């Protein structure tokens, strides 16, 4: 899949989507002149991504790509193998994905779950399987670089692939696949792809099917490992703060010893697939679900085809932002509540994927006709020069902004090298984008988007139920299991590669000041790239919803960009879209959050737009009604999702009806909200003394202060800020069990937990270590080791304290097959009892501390995450120096404090357990 897919795959949903906005009305001639000037921005014009990359090929055929980026004391190490579902056939579909799972099970030299080793290094590690490749990646502090190299070289040649581990991991993979089956979008997409590519592996699902996974033999899996996990079929990518020469020597010392593997016949049980007759009508799935869905697929050429740049530019004209053709035809007309489109270009071919969720009471045939009308217009009339220029700017800005993060830079290099054989592909792609003309867009539209070339699918739900489920089966489970001893942390230390210690870099701190109107501003200058990250919050979250009008906080935030006193919605959209500025608004319990990124030269426009919508939003009736319909459709989709429904029922069980955290939107509450209600909410809760603004990037501090004071300093608040009453939480006398049935699901999601703490609680750091040991990481925690790794009952299990301004719950979340849910719950409860009664060991505390403090600078290396961390520290009333002090706070926690926190905060006898999934038979 082309790396552009990683950057470009986006969805437009009610209230939570990236929406590029504009700010001024101009005449066409002046406007287009401005647009051309923005497109020729120095940062955009001089843009390359691979100038500093060095390519080395070892004697054993391994390709090594290195790029020094010394902006933060972290480094990413990735290993990409040229193996994916493209290398499969019917009968072995999913074997590449199964092998990916087994690569974490240990090696002959290190017979231990590798997740534990990565966790001990503080590595943010994971893996994925795609159509053309399988990749393993980890980002760590720079002194852990050699350790990651040793571990990856070890599992390239010595992976333990045993019959027992295959049996266990098959259950985990099937759990993952059945979790996918819970989604109607997935089921529809699978049917459409199978029809569009009946004789191609690209028509098979990447993860495989349950039927095939159950039949994998140990010989088949080992054969794939021998054939594809070999140096000449792999690329190692290293990006970050390191020195090239000693690092290349370290690569040679570890990977250089890995021999090429002797190829074996791949035991594919392929079956002939007859090409079906092209259906005259859409494929129709009539199954339980929430909202009607459309999915359409158009075959495209492979990644290296010369038409690919034009196809990506055309995609932006069709789908990117409010000014795009499909947004105007589908969202603005009220036909759909959300849509997405993206081109996928692979080694051997590609496709364009277009999906939409129907708005309430809308017909899929009408939506399909509207899409075809847009495509027909492009085929017959072409696109405007304005659209072309805007799309090019959006595309190049998106790549530049994403490349601020070293992990994403390495992703680009890995995908380009494995898919096209050229790590410089993106630079060539960008140069080709510059040459794309309006005529090229019309030509590729005619070539690839003719109606007869599409395969269309409709999902027609047979059950639409917006109820949230009822309580059932109160009482404690009685099933018990002998878990055995937890994994000895000493074993982890035994197999952990040596770490070359270096001095910890002193974290810079933001400059904080408060405007006379109470608005708080935090600024941190970072001149490493010509970009800026903005994070802002407003204390106007859903805790202020009333039960009768639940959803008003989100509906208000969703409509901020639908017009101001001087600009309509499209005007607001165009100028930021023309500059490639990315801006998103979302609502949570306590706040409305704004996240944005832009080229530094466009920071004034970004701040002006934020100030305008925060002070002058007008909430037009038509736009408000469209947003309401999108919210209604989103509600149906959410209540059809076991994870979302389980959280809703859990939250309403933990918090009583008179608590601000209890209310959730319903169909009735959304319909009850009037425009005046939204205006009243906006005027009451959007005020400068409840706003915080965080900026990180390449700017002059004095200039930014002047800008913020000019745009936001005149904002006035009247009267006292609204306040809420938080009643005490009832304590359950015993374990409470609730079940929320959803027809048509194959997997259950269970939440286990209780009331927790807030972020300012003195026990927060102690609780963080308890959580890390218990369930902070699926592959390395006690819960992960037992429930996932040993018993194979879940694809993922993890825990967290949701500590905000107010106490949030302690939650354990897991996905299981329905028949495994009770067993997994019993195992989890038993582990909680063990931690509560026996505590955690000294070694476990030290391991958790090392993991948390080592991964912390990795988070802060991403400017978007850094801006958000600064914002949240201020939101929670912490000292700005917390940004620097957090690792010390974690390291100062004692074992006694950790075990005391476990005693106080883990309450197995008072748990609330909620399961959502298939109805019980």
Foldseek 3Di string as FASTA:
>chain_A
DALLCVLAWFKDFQQWGWFFWFDDDDPPVVVVVVLVVLLVPVCLVPDAQPPQWDWDAFPQQAIEIEGEQAQFQKKKKKKKFFDFLQPAAPLQQQLVVLLQVQLQCAFPLQRHRNVQLCLLQLWPWDWDGDHGIIMIMTMFGNLCLLLVLQSVLRSLATGDQDPQQLVLSLLLLQLVVLLLLLDPVSVQQLVLLCLLCVPGSSSADRNHHNVSSVPDDSVLSVLCSLAISFNSRMYMYMYYHDDPPVVVVSNCVRNVPGHRGDHDDRPHPHDDGDNDDADPDAAEAAEAAAFKKKKKKWWFAAPPDLLVLLVQLLQCLQDHHCNHLVNVLCLLVLQFSMKTWDWDHFQGTTMIMIMTTGFPPHDPVVSVVSVVVSLVCCLVPFDDPSSLSLSLLLSSFSVQQQVLARVSSRVQQRSCCSGPVDSSVVVVSNVSSVVDDSVSNNVVSVVTVDPVRMHMHMYHYPDHDLDLADFDDWDDDDDADDQDDFDDLVSSVVSRDDGDDDDDDFDDFWDWDAFPQQAIETEAERASRQKKKKKKKFQQAQLPPAQLQRPLSSLLSSQLQQDFPNGGNNNGRPRSSSSNKIWTWHHDLGIIMIIIMGRNVCVLRVLLSVLRSLATGDRDPSSSVSSLSSVQSVSSNQSSNQVSSLVLVQQLVQADNQASSNHHDGNSSSVPDDPVNSVVSSLQGRANSRMYMFMYYHDDPVVVVVSNCVRPNVTHHDDDHDDDDGDDTDFDPFEGEGEGERASRFKKKKKKWHWFEAPPPPLNLLVLLLQLQDFQDLSNHSLNCRCCSNNSFFNGWGWDFPHALGTDITIIMTMGGPVCVSVSVNVSLVVLVCCLPPNDDQSSLSSSLSNVLTNLSSQCSSNSSVRVVCNRCVRNVHDSCCSRCVSVSNVVDDSVSNNVCSNVGRDSGRMYMYMYYHDDD
